[in-house]
């Protein structure tokens, strides 16, 4: 029996260091856990001050000023990096912004430290044209949604012509329907027709001199014999385009692709899209224009379109506003 007791006590002595070590390990783990939780609560889950807002893949057309305006509307105060309500509130606020077409994602990302930045990923409404109504010119996107910005006639030349002296955005005038509330679609088939042509002309070098797309005679509502859509150039001259792109009766006119080819050919030959004439008509196989060239403006010239062109021409002569 004595030998058995001795063996047991020896086993306890050998196990005791392991037990003590395990207790120390558990104590250290508890301390580390407490300090880690405190760090997360104070430095990560509860960052001090408002969060920064970053627009993911900001489109090239968007100015820093506009980006800051959009970011300023986003709620950014939160007590935790795991605050889902903040992300939901930010997404809801963005959906109310007229510049935002849709919200893909809002998330917390690492800026200077974990979770201190809200990254917003949105599909934005790009301005396609300035639509004239009354004394103002309103920005609209490709679907005709009215955007928040509006300009006066004196501001238009600096908007239409970019800092690189190239065409930045075109004017559409002659629409019949009044502007809607900001963020709503501007009604009217005439505006839709003008927007279709504006998107078609975008980025085409031979169309650089086209300033205004006039839709006053849309559907022949003024004169069935005249062009439904007329381009006004920066020289206050006309390029008579004709029917909208989606017209079903193009048998009366050449296709849009042929008209574009003719415009490019005229620029190559004459150095100007109007061939140096007061007007040219590209609706038919044979291009028409006054011969010999006459300084007299065509009798159907809309005053507003002519004034746009004159203002843009003056702007390009002296340089765009800086």
C-alpha atoms as a PDB file:
ATOM      1  CA  UNK A   1       0.000   0.000   0.000  1.00  0.00           C
ATOM      2  CA  UNK A   2       2.800   2.435   0.779  1.00  0.00           C
ATOM      3  CA  UNK A   3       4.229   2.035  -2.680  1.00  0.00           C
ATOM      4  CA  UNK A   4       0.842   2.845  -4.252  1.00  0.00           C
ATOM      5  CA  UNK A   5       0.492   6.070  -2.217  1.00  0.00           C
ATOM      6  CA  UNK A   6       3.973   7.160  -3.195  1.00  0.00           C
ATOM      7  CA  UNK A   7       3.198   6.659  -6.879  1.00  0.00           C
ATOM      8  CA  UNK A   8       0.022   8.724  -6.648  1.00  0.00           C
ATOM      9  CA  UNK A   9       1.677  11.646  -4.894  1.00  0.00           C
ATOM     10  CA  UNK A  10       4.449  11.641  -7.455  1.00  0.00           C
ATOM     11  CA  UNK A  11       1.910  11.840 -10.243  1.00  0.00           C
ATOM     12  CA  UNK A  12       0.247  14.825  -8.602  1.00  0.00           C
ATOM     13  CA  UNK A  13       3.584  16.571  -8.285  1.00  0.00           C
ATOM     14  CA  UNK A  14       4.301  16.021 -11.950  1.00  0.00           C
ATOM     15  CA  UNK A  15       0.818  17.277 -12.995  1.00  0.00           C
ATOM     16  CA  UNK A  16       0.882  20.373 -10.815  1.00  0.00           C
ATOM     17  CA  UNK A  17       3.134  22.493 -13.124  1.00  0.00           C
ATOM     18  CA  UNK A  18       0.851  21.726 -16.078  1.00  0.00           C
ATOM     19  CA  UNK A  19      -2.211  22.780 -14.099  1.00  0.00           C
ATOM     20  CA  UNK A  20      -0.569  25.989 -12.970  1.00  0.00           C
ATOM     21  CA  UNK A  21       0.590  26.719 -16.538  1.00  0.00           C
ATOM     22  CA  UNK A  22      -2.901  26.197 -17.857  1.00  0.00           C
ATOM     23  CA  UNK A  23      -4.305  28.587 -15.270  1.00  0.00           C
ATOM     24  CA  UNK A  24      -1.749  31.242 -16.179  1.00  0.00           C
ATOM     25  CA  UNK A  25      -2.571  30.765 -19.884  1.00  0.00           C
ATOM     26  CA  UNK A  26      -6.289  31.190 -19.234  1.00  0.00           C
ATOM     27  CA  UNK A  27      -5.632  34.294 -17.149  1.00  0.00           C
ATOM     28  CA  UNK A  28      -3.416  35.805 -19.871  1.00  0.00           C
ATOM     29  CA  UNK A  29      -5.986  34.971 -22.541  1.00  0.00           C
ATOM     30  CA  UNK A  30      -8.679  36.675 -20.485  1.00  0.00           C
ATOM     31  CA  UNK A  31      -6.558  39.805 -20.120  1.00  0.00           C
ATOM     32  CA  UNK A  32      -5.772  39.884 -23.869  1.00  0.00           C
ATOM     33  CA  UNK A  33      -9.452  39.423 -24.708  1.00  0.00           C
ATOM     34  CA  UNK A  34     -10.472  42.294 -22.437  1.00  0.00           C
ATOM     35  CA  UNK A  35      -7.868  44.657 -23.893  1.00  0.00           C
ATOM     36  CA  UNK A  36      -8.693  43.609 -27.460  1.00  0.00           C
ATOM     37  CA  UNK A  37     -12.397  44.253 -26.892  1.00  0.00           C
ATOM     38  CA  UNK A  38     -11.605  47.631 -25.363  1.00  0.00           C
ATOM     39  CA  UNK A  39      -9.400  48.520 -28.376  1.00  0.00           C
ATOM     40  CA  UNK A  40     -12.061  47.449 -30.838  1.00  0.00           C
ATOM     41  CA  UNK A  41     -14.764  49.359 -28.970  1.00  0.00           C
ATOM     42  CA  UNK A  42     -12.717  52.544 -28.649  1.00  0.00           C
ATOM     43  CA  UNK A  43     -10.618  52.640 -31.831  1.00  0.00           C
ATOM     44  CA  UNK A  44     -12.438  50.545 -34.446  1.00  0.00           C
ATOM     45  CA  UNK A  45     -16.094  50.116 -33.552  1.00  0.00           C
ATOM     46  CA  UNK A  46     -16.356  53.674 -32.276  1.00  0.00           C
ATOM     47  CA  UNK A  47     -14.194  55.921 -34.508  1.00  0.00           C
ATOM     48  CA  UNK A  48     -14.174  59.537 -33.421  1.00  0.00           C
ATOM     49  CA  UNK A  49     -15.589  62.262 -35.652  1.00  0.00           C
ATOM     50  CA  UNK A  50     -17.682  61.961 -38.840  1.00  0.00           C
ATOM     51  CA  UNK A  51     -16.742  59.371 -41.431  1.00  0.00           C
ATOM     52  CA  UNK A  52     -15.203  60.309 -44.751  1.00  0.00           C
ATOM     53  CA  UNK A  53     -17.168  59.589 -47.940  1.00  0.00           C
ATOM     54  CA  UNK A  54     -15.497  58.263 -51.085  1.00  0.00           C
ATOM     55  CA  UNK A  55     -17.142  57.802 -54.486  1.00  0.00           C
ATOM     56  CA  UNK A  56     -15.960  54.595 -56.103  1.00  0.00           C
ATOM     57  CA  UNK A  57     -14.973  54.958 -59.765  1.00  0.00           C
ATOM     58  CA  UNK A  58     -16.001  58.614 -60.027  1.00  0.00           C
ATOM     59  CA  UNK A  59     -17.051  59.220 -63.669  1.00  0.00           C
ATOM     60  CA  UNK A  60     -14.748  61.474 -65.730  1.00  0.00           C
ATOM     61  CA  UNK A  61     -17.484  64.065 -66.345  1.00  0.00           C
ATOM     62  CA  UNK A  62     -18.120  64.591 -62.630  1.00  0.00           C
ATOM     63  CA  UNK A  63     -16.370  67.618 -61.146  1.00  0.00           C
ATOM     64  CA  UNK A  64     -14.815  67.527 -57.682  1.00  0.00           C
ATOM     65  CA  UNK A  65     -17.355  70.158 -56.633  1.00  0.00           C
ATOM     66  CA  UNK A  66     -20.298  67.956 -57.656  1.00  0.00           C
ATOM     67  CA  UNK A  67     -18.711  64.923 -55.992  1.00  0.00           C
ATOM     68  CA  UNK A  68     -18.413  66.906 -52.755  1.00  0.00           C
ATOM     69  CA  UNK A  69     -22.054  68.001 -53.057  1.00  0.00           C
ATOM     70  CA  UNK A  70     -23.206  64.392 -53.410  1.00  0.00           C
ATOM     71  CA  UNK A  71     -20.987  63.240 -50.542  1.00  0.00           C
ATOM     72  CA  UNK A  72     -22.323  66.012 -48.302  1.00  0.00           C
ATOM     73  CA  UNK A  73     -25.854  64.560 -48.501  1.00  0.00           C
ATOM     74  CA  UNK A  74     -24.759  61.171 -47.111  1.00  0.00           C
ATOM     75  CA  UNK A  75     -25.229  60.567 -43.345  1.00  0.00           C
ATOM     76  CA  UNK A  76     -21.874  59.722 -41.795  1.00  0.00           C
ATOM     77  CA  UNK A  77     -22.153  59.706 -37.992  1.00  0.00           C
ATOM     78  CA  UNK A  78     -22.031  56.247 -36.426  1.00  0.00           C
ATOM     79  CA  UNK A  79     -21.138  54.697 -33.073  1.00  0.00           C
ATOM     80  CA  UNK A  80     -19.969  51.376 -34.498  1.00  0.00           C
ATOM     81  CA  UNK A  81     -18.270  49.914 -37.539  1.00  0.00           C
ATOM     82  CA  UNK A  82     -20.975  47.272 -37.457  1.00  0.00           C
ATOM     83  CA  UNK A  83     -23.788  49.839 -37.685  1.00  0.00           C
ATOM     84  CA  UNK A  84     -25.895  48.426 -40.511  1.00  0.00           C
ATOM     85  CA  UNK A  85     -28.499  51.169 -40.055  1.00  0.00           C
ATOM     86  CA  UNK A  86     -25.948  53.750 -41.207  1.00  0.00           C
ATOM     87  CA  UNK A  87     -25.340  51.864 -44.460  1.00  0.00           C
ATOM     88  CA  UNK A  88     -29.078  51.539 -45.092  1.00  0.00           C
ATOM     89  CA  UNK A  89     -29.658  55.244 -44.337  1.00  0.00           C
ATOM     90  CA  UNK A  90     -26.808  56.277 -46.647  1.00  0.00           C
ATOM     91  CA  UNK A  91     -28.162  54.133 -49.507  1.00  0.00           C
ATOM     92  CA  UNK A  92     -31.682  55.541 -49.015  1.00  0.00           C
ATOM     93  CA  UNK A  93     -30.363  59.109 -49.044  1.00  0.00           C
ATOM     94  CA  UNK A  94     -28.416  58.477 -52.238  1.00  0.00           C
ATOM     95  CA  UNK A  95     -31.510  57.087 -53.966  1.00  0.00           C
ATOM     96  CA  UNK A  96     -33.225  60.417 -53.285  1.00  0.00           C
ATOM     97  CA  UNK A  97     -30.438  62.335 -55.046  1.00  0.00           C
ATOM     98  CA  UNK A  98     -31.375  63.345 -58.636  1.00  0.00           C
ATOM     99  CA  UNK A  99     -27.790  62.725 -59.752  1.00  0.00           C
ATOM    100  CA  UNK A 100     -28.040  59.051 -58.728  1.00  0.00           C
ATOM    101  CA  UNK A 101     -29.707  56.612 -61.087  1.00  0.00           C
ATOM    102  CA  UNK A 102     -29.171  53.558 -58.872  1.00  0.00           C
ATOM    103  CA  UNK A 103     -27.132  52.507 -55.834  1.00  0.00           C
ATOM    104  CA  UNK A 104     -24.978  49.416 -56.245  1.00  0.00           C
ATOM    105  CA  UNK A 105     -23.387  49.272 -52.796  1.00  0.00           C
ATOM    106  CA  UNK A 106     -22.498  51.295 -49.704  1.00  0.00           C
ATOM    107  CA  UNK A 107     -19.854  49.873 -47.367  1.00  0.00           C
ATOM    108  CA  UNK A 108     -17.313  50.778 -44.702  1.00  0.00           C
ATOM    109  CA  UNK A 109     -13.696  50.646 -45.865  1.00  0.00           C
ATOM    110  CA  UNK A 110     -10.238  51.384 -44.497  1.00  0.00           C
ATOM    111  CA  UNK A 111      -9.113  54.991 -44.943  1.00  0.00           C
ATOM    112  CA  UNK A 112      -6.713  56.140 -42.244  1.00  0.00           C
ATOM    113  CA  UNK A 113      -7.946  53.350 -39.983  1.00  0.00           C
ATOM    114  CA  UNK A 114     -10.489  50.521 -40.168  1.00  0.00           C
ATOM    115  CA  UNK A 115     -14.043  51.555 -40.951  1.00  0.00           C
ATOM    116  CA  UNK A 116     -13.457  55.321 -41.052  1.00  0.00           C
ATOM    117  CA  UNK A 117     -14.645  55.767 -44.658  1.00  0.00           C
ATOM    118  CA  UNK A 118     -17.964  55.194 -46.415  1.00  0.00           C
ATOM    119  CA  UNK A 119     -17.451  53.991 -49.984  1.00  0.00           C
ATOM    120  CA  UNK A 120     -20.440  54.608 -52.247  1.00  0.00           C
ATOM    121  CA  UNK A 121     -20.785  52.760 -55.541  1.00  0.00           C
ATOM    122  CA  UNK A 122     -23.519  54.274 -57.731  1.00  0.00           C
ATOM    123  CA  UNK A 123     -24.692  54.568 -61.304  1.00  0.00           C
ATOM    124  CA  UNK A 124     -24.841  58.329 -61.845  1.00  0.00           C
ATOM    125  CA  UNK A 125     -26.932  60.282 -64.342  1.00  0.00           C
ATOM    126  CA  UNK A 126     -24.562  61.864 -66.834  1.00  0.00           C
ATOM    127  CA  UNK A 127     -25.695  65.221 -68.266  1.00  0.00           C
ATOM    128  CA  UNK A 128     -26.279  64.940 -72.007  1.00  0.00           C
ATOM    129  CA  UNK A 129     -27.778  68.300 -72.992  1.00  0.00           C
ATOM    130  CA  UNK A 130     -28.904  71.745 -71.862  1.00  0.00           C
ATOM    131  CA  UNK A 131     -32.608  72.254 -72.540  1.00  0.00           C
ATOM    132  CA  UNK A 132     -33.816  75.816 -72.991  1.00  0.00           C
ATOM    133  CA  UNK A 133     -37.046  76.863 -71.324  1.00  0.00           C
ATOM    134  CA  UNK A 134     -37.884  80.461 -70.582  1.00  0.00           C
ATOM    135  CA  UNK A 135     -34.893  82.329 -69.225  1.00  0.00           C
ATOM    136  CA  UNK A 136     -33.013  79.221 -68.117  1.00  0.00           C
ATOM    137  CA  UNK A 137     -31.127  76.233 -69.472  1.00  0.00           C
ATOM    138  CA  UNK A 138     -31.566  72.971 -67.602  1.00  0.00           C
ATOM    139  CA  UNK A 139     -29.265  69.952 -67.544  1.00  0.00           C
ATOM    140  CA  UNK A 140     -30.891  66.634 -68.490  1.00  0.00           C
ATOM    141  CA  UNK A 141     -29.520  63.108 -68.733  1.00  0.00           C
ATOM    142  CA  UNK A 142     -29.881  60.714 -71.647  1.00  0.00           C
ATOM    143  CA  UNK A 143     -33.364  59.666 -70.521  1.00  0.00           C
ATOM    144  CA  UNK A 144     -34.567  63.247 -70.208  1.00  0.00           C
ATOM    145  CA  UNK A 145     -34.440  63.341 -66.400  1.00  0.00           C
ATOM    146  CA  UNK A 146     -34.033  66.933 -65.235  1.00  0.00           C
ATOM    147  CA  UNK A 147     -30.914  67.400 -63.121  1.00  0.00           C
ATOM    148  CA  UNK A 148     -30.500  70.021 -60.381  1.00  0.00           C
ATOM    149  CA  UNK A 149     -28.299  72.477 -62.256  1.00  0.00           C
ATOM    150  CA  UNK A 150     -29.720  75.398 -64.235  1.00  0.00           C
ATOM    151  CA  UNK A 151     -27.943  78.244 -66.011  1.00  0.00           C
ATOM    152  CA  UNK A 152     -28.677  81.659 -67.445  1.00  0.00           C
ATOM    153  CA  UNK A 153     -27.937  82.676 -71.035  1.00  0.00           C
ATOM    154  CA  UNK A 154     -24.770  84.483 -69.962  1.00  0.00           C
ATOM    155  CA  UNK A 155     -23.430  81.296 -68.337  1.00  0.00           C
ATOM    156  CA  UNK A 156     -24.159  79.005 -71.267  1.00  0.00           C
ATOM    157  CA  UNK A 157     -21.021  79.635 -73.400  1.00  0.00           C
ATOM    158  CA  UNK A 158     -18.754  78.619 -70.515  1.00  0.00           C
ATOM    159  CA  UNK A 159     -20.772  75.416 -70.043  1.00  0.00           C
ATOM    160  CA  UNK A 160     -21.086  74.408 -73.696  1.00  0.00           C
ATOM    161  CA  UNK A 161     -17.398  74.872 -74.492  1.00  0.00           C
ATOM    162  CA  UNK A 162     -14.956  73.037 -72.212  1.00  0.00           C
ATOM    163  CA  UNK A 163     -11.615  74.255 -70.890  1.00  0.00           C
ATOM    164  CA  UNK A 164      -9.931  72.544 -73.825  1.00  0.00           C
ATOM    165  CA  UNK A 165     -12.016  74.694 -76.232  1.00  0.00           C
ATOM    166  CA  UNK A 166     -13.878  71.605 -77.400  1.00  0.00           C
ATOM    167  CA  UNK A 167     -17.595  70.911 -77.386  1.00  0.00           C
ATOM    168  CA  UNK A 168     -18.644  69.906 -73.884  1.00  0.00           C
ATOM    169  CA  UNK A 169     -22.443  69.702 -74.103  1.00  0.00           C
ATOM    170  CA  UNK A 170     -25.091  70.802 -76.616  1.00  0.00           C
ATOM    171  CA  UNK A 171     -28.261  72.851 -76.318  1.00  0.00           C
ATOM    172  CA  UNK A 172     -31.710  71.567 -77.240  1.00  0.00           C
ATOM    173  CA  UNK A 173     -34.304  74.251 -77.883  1.00  0.00           C
ATOM    174  CA  UNK A 174     -37.805  74.417 -79.321  1.00  0.00           C
ATOM    175  CA  UNK A 175     -39.424  71.935 -76.887  1.00  0.00           C
ATOM    176  CA  UNK A 176     -43.128  72.414 -76.115  1.00  0.00           C
ATOM    177  CA  UNK A 177     -43.460  70.858 -72.643  1.00  0.00           C
ATOM    178  CA  UNK A 178     -42.398  72.786 -69.502  1.00  0.00           C
ATOM    179  CA  UNK A 179     -39.695  71.391 -67.220  1.00  0.00           C
ATOM    180  CA  UNK A 180     -40.740  68.947 -64.474  1.00  0.00           C
ATOM    181  CA  UNK A 181     -39.522  68.857 -60.898  1.00  0.00           C
ATOM    182  CA  UNK A 182     -35.867  68.004 -60.465  1.00  0.00           C
ATOM    183  CA  UNK A 183     -35.289  64.263 -60.714  1.00  0.00           C
ATOM    184  CA  UNK A 184     -38.358  63.715 -62.923  1.00  0.00           C
ATOM    185  CA  UNK A 185     -38.393  62.871 -66.616  1.00  0.00           C
ATOM    186  CA  UNK A 186     -39.079  65.801 -68.925  1.00  0.00           C
ATOM    187  CA  UNK A 187     -42.077  64.883 -71.087  1.00  0.00           C
ATOM    188  CA  UNK A 188     -42.232  65.322 -74.839  1.00  0.00           C
ATOM    189  CA  UNK A 189     -41.313  63.348 -77.926  1.00  0.00           C
ATOM    190  CA  UNK A 190     -39.562  66.431 -79.303  1.00  0.00           C
ATOM    191  CA  UNK A 191     -37.060  66.391 -76.424  1.00  0.00           C
ATOM    192  CA  UNK A 192     -36.577  62.640 -76.781  1.00  0.00           C
ATOM    193  CA  UNK A 193     -35.804  63.156 -80.485  1.00  0.00           C
ATOM    194  CA  UNK A 194     -33.302  65.899 -79.666  1.00  0.00           C
ATOM    195  CA  UNK A 195     -31.594  63.734 -77.051  1.00  0.00           C
ATOM    196  CA  UNK A 196     -31.290  60.865 -79.507  1.00  0.00           C
ATOM    197  CA  UNK A 197     -29.456  63.130 -81.947  1.00  0.00           C
ATOM    198  CA  UNK A 198     -27.303  64.651 -79.178  1.00  0.00           C
ATOM    199  CA  UNK A 199     -26.114  61.184 -78.130  1.00  0.00           C
ATOM    200  CA  UNK A 200     -25.450  60.292 -81.758  1.00  0.00           C
ATOM    201  CA  UNK A 201     -23.264  63.392 -82.286  1.00  0.00           C
ATOM    202  CA  UNK A 202     -21.295  62.943 -79.069  1.00  0.00           C
ATOM    203  CA  UNK A 203     -17.584  62.469 -79.646  1.00  0.00           C
ATOM    204  CA  UNK A 204     -17.735  62.936 -83.431  1.00  0.00           C
ATOM    205  CA  UNK A 205     -15.019  65.429 -84.482  1.00  0.00           C
ATOM    206  CA  UNK A 206     -16.882  66.632 -87.579  1.00  0.00           C
ATOM    207  CA  UNK A 207     -19.791  67.737 -85.357  1.00  0.00           C
ATOM    208  CA  UNK A 208     -17.688  69.967 -83.089  1.00  0.00           C
ATOM    209  CA  UNK A 209     -19.199  73.097 -84.614  1.00  0.00           C
ATOM    210  CA  UNK A 210     -22.800  72.018 -83.930  1.00  0.00           C
ATOM    211  CA  UNK A 211     -23.983  73.973 -80.894  1.00  0.00           C
ATOM    212  CA  UNK A 212     -27.772  73.710 -80.831  1.00  0.00           C
ATOM    213  CA  UNK A 213     -30.296  71.052 -81.802  1.00  0.00           C
ATOM    214  CA  UNK A 214     -33.544  72.807 -82.649  1.00  0.00           C
ATOM    215  CA  UNK A 215     -36.730  70.718 -82.478  1.00  0.00           C
ATOM    216  CA  UNK A 216     -39.279  73.517 -82.948  1.00  0.00           C
ATOM    217  CA  UNK A 217     -40.576  71.881 -86.146  1.00  0.00           C
ATOM    218  CA  UNK A 218     -40.768  68.357 -84.667  1.00  0.00           C
ATOM    219  CA  UNK A 219     -43.328  66.244 -86.527  1.00  0.00           C
ATOM    220  CA  UNK A 220     -43.674  69.105 -89.012  1.00  0.00           C
ATOM    221  CA  UNK A 221     -45.830  71.047 -86.551  1.00  0.00           C
ATOM    222  CA  UNK A 222     -44.672  74.389 -87.974  1.00  0.00           C
ATOM    223  CA  UNK A 223     -44.114  73.482 -91.632  1.00  0.00           C
ATOM    224  CA  UNK A 224     -44.412  69.979 -93.087  1.00  0.00           C
ATOM    225  CA  UNK A 225     -41.978  70.840 -95.890  1.00  0.00           C
ATOM    226  CA  UNK A 226     -39.129  71.993 -93.652  1.00  0.00           C
ATOM    227  CA  UNK A 227     -36.640  69.906 -91.693  1.00  0.00           C
ATOM    228  CA  UNK A 228     -38.023  68.637 -88.391  1.00  0.00           C
ATOM    229  CA  UNK A 229     -34.644  68.887 -86.669  1.00  0.00           C
ATOM    230  CA  UNK A 230     -32.131  71.621 -87.460  1.00  0.00           C
ATOM    231  CA  UNK A 231     -28.562  71.977 -86.191  1.00  0.00           C
ATOM    232  CA  UNK A 232     -27.258  75.451 -85.504  1.00  0.00           C
ATOM    233  CA  UNK A 233     -23.505  75.891 -85.726  1.00  0.00           C
ATOM    234  CA  UNK A 234     -21.246  78.253 -83.824  1.00  0.00           C
ATOM    235  CA  UNK A 235     -21.250  80.441 -86.961  1.00  0.00           C
ATOM    236  CA  UNK A 236     -25.034  81.023 -86.594  1.00  0.00           C
ATOM    237  CA  UNK A 237     -25.601  78.872 -89.685  1.00  0.00           C
ATOM    238  CA  UNK A 238     -27.861  75.864 -90.198  1.00  0.00           C
ATOM    239  CA  UNK A 239     -27.368  72.195 -90.993  1.00  0.00           C
ATOM    240  CA  UNK A 240     -30.844  70.915 -91.800  1.00  0.00           C
ATOM    241  CA  UNK A 241     -30.872  67.353 -90.477  1.00  0.00           C
ATOM    242  CA  UNK A 242     -34.478  66.269 -90.915  1.00  0.00           C
ATOM    243  CA  UNK A 243     -36.441  63.506 -89.221  1.00  0.00           C
ATOM    244  CA  UNK A 244     -35.751  61.955 -85.774  1.00  0.00           C
ATOM    245  CA  UNK A 245     -33.620  58.826 -85.591  1.00  0.00           C
ATOM    246  CA  UNK A 246     -36.603  56.613 -84.790  1.00  0.00           C
ATOM    247  CA  UNK A 247     -38.784  57.911 -87.624  1.00  0.00           C
ATOM    248  CA  UNK A 248     -40.500  55.143 -89.585  1.00  0.00           C
ATOM    249  CA  UNK A 249     -40.864  57.076 -92.846  1.00  0.00           C
ATOM    250  CA  UNK A 250     -37.216  57.545 -93.732  1.00  0.00           C
ATOM    251  CA  UNK A 251     -38.058  56.664 -97.340  1.00  0.00           C
ATOM    252  CA  UNK A 252     -38.469  60.414 -97.813  1.00  0.00           C
ATOM    253  CA  UNK A 253     -34.929  61.111 -96.551  1.00  0.00           C
ATOM    254  CA  UNK A 254     -31.565  59.379 -96.656  1.00  0.00           C
ATOM    255  CA  UNK A 255     -30.597  57.269 -93.604  1.00  0.00           C
ATOM    256  CA  UNK A 256     -28.923  58.872 -90.596  1.00  0.00           C
ATOM    257  CA  UNK A 257     -25.665  57.054 -91.351  1.00  0.00           C
ATOM    258  CA  UNK A 258     -25.528  58.682 -94.797  1.00  0.00           C
ATOM    259  CA  UNK A 259     -26.195  62.102 -93.293  1.00  0.00           C
ATOM    260  CA  UNK A 260     -23.294  61.647 -90.878  1.00  0.00           C
ATOM    261  CA  UNK A 261     -21.034  60.604 -93.753  1.00  0.00           C
ATOM    262  CA  UNK A 262     -22.047  63.733 -95.634  1.00  0.00           C
ATOM    263  CA  UNK A 263     -21.233  65.938 -92.635  1.00  0.00           C
ATOM    264  CA  UNK A 264     -17.804  64.334 -92.306  1.00  0.00           C
ATOM    265  CA  UNK A 265     -17.180  64.749 -96.046  1.00  0.00           C
ATOM    266  CA  UNK A 266     -18.187  68.429 -95.948  1.00  0.00           C
ATOM    267  CA  UNK A 267     -15.781  69.101 -93.070  1.00  0.00           C
ATOM    268  CA  UNK A 268     -12.943  67.403 -94.958  1.00  0.00           C
ATOM    269  CA  UNK A 269     -13.654  69.399 -98.097  1.00  0.00           C
ATOM    270  CA  UNK A 270     -14.511  72.838 -96.702  1.00  0.00           C
ATOM    271  CA  UNK A 271     -13.065  72.799 -93.187  1.00  0.00           C
ATOM    272  CA  UNK A 272     -16.492  73.684 -91.789  1.00  0.00           C
ATOM    273  CA  UNK A 273     -19.610  71.593 -91.238  1.00  0.00           C
ATOM    274  CA  UNK A 274     -21.758  74.225 -92.973  1.00  0.00           C
ATOM    275  CA  UNK A 275     -19.479  74.366 -96.053  1.00  0.00           C
ATOM    276  CA  UNK A 276     -19.220  78.105 -95.451  1.00  0.00           C
ATOM    277  CA  UNK A 277     -22.882  78.646 -96.424  1.00  0.00           C
ATOM    278  CA  UNK A 278     -25.699  80.206 -94.391  1.00  0.00           C
ATOM    279  CA  UNK A 279     -27.435  76.826 -94.533  1.00  0.00           C
ATOM    280  CA  UNK A 280     -27.093  73.370 -96.019  1.00  0.00           C
ATOM    281  CA  UNK A 281     -29.757  70.690 -96.310  1.00  0.00           C
ATOM    282  CA  UNK A 282     -28.481  67.092 -95.950  1.00  0.00           C
ATOM    283  CA  UNK A 283     -31.866  65.337 -95.977  1.00  0.00           C
ATOM    284  CA  UNK A 284     -31.623  64.056 -99.540  1.00  0.00           C
ATOM    285  CA  UNK A 285     -29.169  62.371-101.882  1.00  0.00           C
ATOM    286  CA  UNK A 286     -28.292  65.733-103.331  1.00  0.00           C
ATOM    287  CA  UNK A 287     -27.143  68.228-100.728  1.00  0.00           C
ATOM    288  CA  UNK A 288     -28.836  71.575-101.121  1.00  0.00           C
ATOM    289  CA  UNK A 289     -27.485  74.992-100.227  1.00  0.00           C
ATOM    290  CA  UNK A 290     -27.842  78.567-101.494  1.00  0.00           C
ATOM    291  CA  UNK A 291     -25.737  79.356-104.541  1.00  0.00           C
ATOM    292  CA  UNK A 292     -23.870  81.591-104.692  1.00  0.00           C
ATOM    293  CA  UNK A 293     -23.181  81.957-100.917  1.00  0.00           C
ATOM    294  CA  UNK A 294     -25.269  84.727 -99.444  1.00  0.00           C
ATOM    295  CA  UNK A 295     -24.771  86.537 -96.146  1.00  0.00           C
ATOM    296  CA  UNK A 296     -28.533  86.664 -95.707  1.00  0.00           C
ATOM    297  CA  UNK A 297     -29.795  84.379 -92.940  1.00  0.00           C
ATOM    298  CA  UNK A 298     -32.515  81.881 -93.876  1.00  0.00           C
ATOM    299  CA  UNK A 299     -36.038  83.221 -93.316  1.00  0.00           C
ATOM    300  CA  UNK A 300     -36.987  80.420 -90.897  1.00  0.00           C
ATOM    301  CA  UNK A 301     -34.114  81.082 -88.487  1.00  0.00           C
ATOM    302  CA  UNK A 302     -35.268  80.828 -84.850  1.00  0.00           C
ATOM    303  CA  UNK A 303     -33.977  83.826 -82.926  1.00  0.00           C
ATOM    304  CA  UNK A 304     -33.009  81.805 -79.849  1.00  0.00           C
ATOM    305  CA  UNK A 305     -30.906  79.321 -81.819  1.00  0.00           C
ATOM    306  CA  UNK A 306     -29.144  82.101 -83.684  1.00  0.00           C
ATOM    307  CA  UNK A 307     -28.317  83.897 -80.434  1.00  0.00           C
ATOM    308  CA  UNK A 308     -26.931  80.669 -78.938  1.00  0.00           C
ATOM    309  CA  UNK A 309     -24.667  80.242 -81.922  1.00  0.00           C
ATOM    310  CA  UNK A 310     -23.487  83.838 -81.857  1.00  0.00           C
ATOM    311  CA  UNK A 311     -22.696  83.616 -78.142  1.00  0.00           C
ATOM    312  CA  UNK A 312     -20.773  80.363 -78.570  1.00  0.00           C
ATOM    313  CA  UNK A 313     -18.851  81.755 -81.522  1.00  0.00           C
ATOM    314  CA  UNK A 314     -17.836  84.776 -79.447  1.00  0.00           C
ATOM    315  CA  UNK A 315     -16.819  82.462 -76.626  1.00  0.00           C
ATOM    316  CA  UNK A 316     -14.578  80.361 -78.858  1.00  0.00           C
ATOM    317  CA  UNK A 317     -12.997  83.506 -80.280  1.00  0.00           C
ATOM    318  CA  UNK A 318     -12.007  84.849 -76.860  1.00  0.00           C
ATOM    319  CA  UNK A 319     -11.688  81.501 -75.085  1.00  0.00           C
ATOM    320  CA  UNK A 320     -14.066  79.796 -72.660  1.00  0.00           C
ATOM    321  CA  UNK A 321     -14.681  81.147 -69.171  1.00  0.00           C
ATOM    322  CA  UNK A 322     -12.074  80.069 -66.681  1.00  0.00           C
END
